[in-house]
């Protein structure tokens, strides 16, 4: 149970940070939460392709933020 709650908290933080990092980005609290959670998956996949490993809580958060920024960037391209 702690793993799921921890992932949700990291997702919330990553989605919030990605929304702030991308100018004009962010689609509201719920979407940013989902963005952060899927960002963790996308970031993990991208980093595995590049053989990059971040450890610990900060690494998980950084990976999720990078993935969320990528997803937000793609979403902004379709929004225009």
N, C-alpha and C. Protein backbone atom coordinates (compact mmCIF):
# COMPACT_ATOMS: atom_id res chain seq x y z
N UNK A 1 0.81 -1.19 0.00
CA UNK A 1 0.00 0.00 0.00
C UNK A 1 0.86 1.26 0.00
N UNK A 2 1.97 1.25 0.73
CA UNK A 2 2.84 2.41 0.75
C UNK A 2 3.40 2.72 -0.63
N UNK A 3 3.65 1.71 -1.43
CA UNK A 3 4.18 1.92 -2.76
C UNK A 3 3.21 2.66 -3.65
N UNK A 4 1.94 2.32 -3.56
CA UNK A 4 0.92 2.99 -4.37
C UNK A 4 0.73 4.43 -3.92
N UNK A 5 0.66 4.63 -2.62
CA UNK A 5 0.49 5.99 -2.09
C UNK A 5 1.72 6.83 -2.42
N UNK A 6 2.90 6.26 -2.27
CA UNK A 6 4.13 6.97 -2.62
C UNK A 6 4.18 7.35 -4.09
N UNK A 7 3.73 6.43 -4.95
CA UNK A 7 3.71 6.72 -6.39
C UNK A 7 2.72 7.84 -6.71
N UNK A 8 1.59 7.85 -6.02
CA UNK A 8 0.60 8.91 -6.25
C UNK A 8 1.16 10.25 -5.80
N UNK A 9 1.83 10.27 -4.66
CA UNK A 9 2.41 11.53 -4.17
C UNK A 9 3.49 12.02 -5.12
N UNK A 10 4.35 11.13 -5.59
CA UNK A 10 5.37 11.52 -6.55
C UNK A 10 4.71 12.00 -7.84
N UNK A 11 3.63 11.34 -8.26
CA UNK A 11 2.91 11.76 -9.45
C UNK A 11 2.33 13.15 -9.32
N UNK A 12 1.77 13.44 -8.15
CA UNK A 12 1.22 14.78 -7.91
C UNK A 12 2.32 15.83 -8.00
N UNK A 13 3.43 15.56 -7.32
CA UNK A 13 4.54 16.52 -7.33
C UNK A 13 5.13 16.69 -8.73
N UNK A 14 5.28 15.58 -9.45
CA UNK A 14 5.85 15.65 -10.79
C UNK A 14 4.92 16.38 -11.75
N UNK A 15 3.64 16.10 -11.68
CA UNK A 15 2.67 16.79 -12.53
C UNK A 15 2.63 18.28 -12.24
N UNK A 16 2.67 18.65 -10.96
CA UNK A 16 2.69 20.06 -10.57
C UNK A 16 3.95 20.74 -11.10
N UNK A 17 5.10 20.09 -10.90
CA UNK A 17 6.37 20.67 -11.34
C UNK A 17 6.41 20.80 -12.86
N UNK A 18 5.94 19.80 -13.58
CA UNK A 18 5.93 19.87 -15.05
C UNK A 18 5.02 20.98 -15.54
N UNK A 19 3.88 21.16 -14.90
CA UNK A 19 2.97 22.24 -15.26
C UNK A 19 3.61 23.60 -15.05
N UNK A 20 4.42 23.73 -14.00
CA UNK A 20 5.11 24.99 -13.73
C UNK A 20 6.30 25.19 -14.67
N UNK A 21 6.98 24.11 -15.03
CA UNK A 21 8.15 24.22 -15.91
C UNK A 21 7.78 24.58 -17.34
N UNK A 22 6.66 24.05 -17.79
CA UNK A 22 6.23 24.32 -19.17
C UNK A 22 5.38 25.58 -19.19
N UNK A 23 5.84 26.59 -19.86
CA UNK A 23 5.09 27.85 -19.94
C UNK A 23 3.75 27.59 -20.63
N UNK A 24 2.68 28.00 -19.97
CA UNK A 24 1.35 27.77 -20.52
C UNK A 24 0.90 26.34 -20.38
N UNK A 25 1.68 25.52 -19.66
CA UNK A 25 1.36 24.12 -19.52
C UNK A 25 0.43 23.87 -18.35
N UNK A 26 0.04 22.67 -18.21
CA UNK A 26 -0.84 22.29 -17.13
C UNK A 26 -2.29 22.32 -17.57
N UNK A 27 -3.03 21.35 -17.13
CA UNK A 27 -4.43 21.22 -17.53
C UNK A 27 -5.34 21.06 -16.33
N UNK A 28 -4.89 21.46 -15.15
CA UNK A 28 -5.69 21.30 -13.96
C UNK A 28 -5.12 20.23 -13.06
N UNK A 29 -5.61 20.20 -11.86
CA UNK A 29 -5.06 19.33 -10.82
C UNK A 29 -5.16 17.85 -11.17
N UNK A 30 -6.32 17.39 -11.58
CA UNK A 30 -6.51 15.97 -11.87
C UNK A 30 -5.66 15.52 -13.05
N UNK A 31 -5.66 16.31 -14.12
CA UNK A 31 -4.86 15.93 -15.28
C UNK A 31 -3.37 15.97 -14.94
N UNK A 32 -2.94 16.94 -14.14
CA UNK A 32 -1.54 17.01 -13.76
C UNK A 32 -1.14 15.81 -12.90
N UNK A 33 -2.07 15.32 -12.07
CA UNK A 33 -1.81 14.10 -11.30
C UNK A 33 -1.58 12.93 -12.23
N UNK A 34 -2.49 12.74 -13.17
CA UNK A 34 -2.34 11.65 -14.15
C UNK A 34 -1.09 11.83 -14.99
N UNK A 35 -0.81 13.07 -15.34
CA UNK A 35 0.38 13.39 -16.11
C UNK A 35 1.63 12.96 -15.37
N UNK A 36 1.68 13.25 -14.08
CA UNK A 36 2.84 12.86 -13.28
C UNK A 36 3.00 11.36 -13.15
N UNK A 37 1.89 10.65 -12.98
CA UNK A 37 1.95 9.19 -12.85
C UNK A 37 2.42 8.56 -14.16
N UNK A 38 1.82 8.98 -15.27
CA UNK A 38 2.26 8.45 -16.57
C UNK A 38 3.65 8.98 -16.92
N UNK A 39 3.97 10.16 -16.42
CA UNK A 39 5.31 10.71 -16.62
C UNK A 39 6.38 9.83 -16.02
N UNK A 40 6.08 9.24 -14.87
CA UNK A 40 7.02 8.31 -14.26
C UNK A 40 7.28 7.10 -15.15
N UNK A 41 6.23 6.61 -15.78
CA UNK A 41 6.38 5.48 -16.70
C UNK A 41 7.18 5.87 -17.93
N UNK A 42 6.82 7.02 -18.51
CA UNK A 42 7.49 7.48 -19.73
C UNK A 42 8.95 7.83 -19.42
N UNK A 43 9.17 8.53 -18.31
CA UNK A 43 10.54 8.89 -17.92
C UNK A 43 11.39 7.65 -17.68
N UNK A 44 10.83 6.66 -16.99
CA UNK A 44 11.55 5.41 -16.76
C UNK A 44 11.89 4.70 -18.06
N UNK A 45 10.95 4.72 -18.99
CA UNK A 45 11.19 4.09 -20.30
C UNK A 45 12.27 4.84 -21.07
N UNK A 46 12.18 6.18 -21.10
CA UNK A 46 13.18 6.97 -21.81
C UNK A 46 14.57 6.79 -21.20
N UNK A 47 14.63 6.82 -19.88
CA UNK A 47 15.93 6.68 -19.23
C UNK A 47 16.51 5.29 -19.42
N UNK A 48 15.66 4.27 -19.49
CA UNK A 48 16.18 2.92 -19.75
C UNK A 48 16.75 2.82 -21.15
N UNK A 49 16.15 3.52 -22.10
CA UNK A 49 16.70 3.54 -23.46
C UNK A 49 18.07 4.19 -23.51
N UNK A 50 18.27 5.19 -22.66
CA UNK A 50 19.53 5.94 -22.63
C UNK A 50 20.50 5.39 -21.58
N UNK A 51 20.15 4.28 -20.95
CA UNK A 51 20.95 3.67 -19.89
C UNK A 51 21.27 4.64 -18.77
N UNK A 52 20.29 5.42 -18.35
CA UNK A 52 20.44 6.37 -17.25
C UNK A 52 19.67 5.81 -16.06
N UNK A 53 20.31 5.82 -14.89
CA UNK A 53 19.65 5.34 -13.67
C UNK A 53 19.79 6.39 -12.59
N UNK A 54 18.66 6.79 -12.01
CA UNK A 54 18.64 7.67 -10.85
C UNK A 54 18.09 6.85 -9.71
N UNK A 55 18.73 6.94 -8.57
CA UNK A 55 18.26 6.17 -7.43
C UNK A 55 17.56 7.03 -6.40
N UNK A 56 16.82 6.38 -5.56
CA UNK A 56 16.19 7.05 -4.44
C UNK A 56 14.95 7.84 -4.80
N UNK A 57 14.44 8.53 -3.81
CA UNK A 57 13.23 9.31 -3.96
C UNK A 57 13.43 10.48 -4.94
N UNK A 58 14.56 11.15 -4.84
CA UNK A 58 14.85 12.27 -5.74
C UNK A 58 14.97 11.78 -7.17
N UNK A 59 15.56 10.62 -7.37
CA UNK A 59 15.67 10.05 -8.70
C UNK A 59 14.31 9.71 -9.30
N UNK A 60 13.44 9.14 -8.48
CA UNK A 60 12.09 8.82 -8.94
C UNK A 60 11.33 10.08 -9.31
N UNK A 61 11.46 11.10 -8.48
CA UNK A 61 10.78 12.37 -8.75
C UNK A 61 11.33 13.01 -10.01
N UNK A 62 12.64 13.02 -10.16
CA UNK A 62 13.26 13.59 -11.36
C UNK A 62 12.85 12.86 -12.62
N UNK A 63 12.83 11.55 -12.55
CA UNK A 63 12.41 10.74 -13.70
C UNK A 63 10.96 11.04 -14.06
N UNK A 64 10.09 11.13 -13.06
CA UNK A 64 8.68 11.43 -13.31
C UNK A 64 8.49 12.83 -13.88
N UNK A 65 9.28 13.78 -13.40
CA UNK A 65 9.18 15.15 -13.93
C UNK A 65 9.60 15.19 -15.39
N UNK A 66 10.70 14.54 -15.71
CA UNK A 66 11.16 14.51 -17.11
C UNK A 66 10.10 13.88 -18.00
N UNK A 67 9.56 12.75 -17.59
CA UNK A 67 8.50 12.09 -18.36
C UNK A 67 7.26 12.94 -18.49
N UNK A 68 6.87 13.62 -17.40
CA UNK A 68 5.68 14.48 -17.44
C UNK A 68 5.89 15.67 -18.36
N UNK A 69 7.09 16.24 -18.36
CA UNK A 69 7.39 17.35 -19.27
C UNK A 69 7.30 16.89 -20.72
N UNK A 70 7.80 15.70 -21.01
CA UNK A 70 7.71 15.16 -22.37
C UNK A 70 6.25 14.98 -22.78
N UNK A 71 5.44 14.39 -21.89
CA UNK A 71 4.02 14.19 -22.20
C UNK A 71 3.32 15.53 -22.37
N UNK A 72 3.62 16.48 -21.50
CA UNK A 72 2.99 17.80 -21.58
C UNK A 72 3.39 18.52 -22.86
N UNK A 73 4.62 18.38 -23.26
CA UNK A 73 5.09 18.98 -24.51
C UNK A 73 4.32 18.40 -25.70
N UNK A 74 4.16 17.08 -25.71
CA UNK A 74 3.39 16.42 -26.79
C UNK A 74 1.93 16.86 -26.75
N UNK A 75 1.34 16.93 -25.56
CA UNK A 75 -0.06 17.34 -25.43
C UNK A 75 -0.26 18.77 -25.91
N UNK A 76 0.71 19.65 -25.62
CA UNK A 76 0.62 21.03 -26.08
C UNK A 76 0.70 21.14 -27.60
N UNK A 77 1.41 20.24 -28.23
CA UNK A 77 1.52 20.23 -29.70
C UNK A 77 0.16 19.89 -30.33
N UNK A 78 -0.57 18.96 -29.69
CA UNK A 78 -1.89 18.59 -30.22
C UNK A 78 -2.95 19.62 -29.89
N UNK A 79 -2.74 20.36 -28.80
CA UNK A 79 -3.71 21.35 -28.35
C UNK A 79 -3.77 22.55 -29.31
N UNK A 80 -2.66 22.83 -29.97
CA UNK A 80 -2.60 24.00 -30.86
C UNK A 80 -3.27 23.73 -32.13
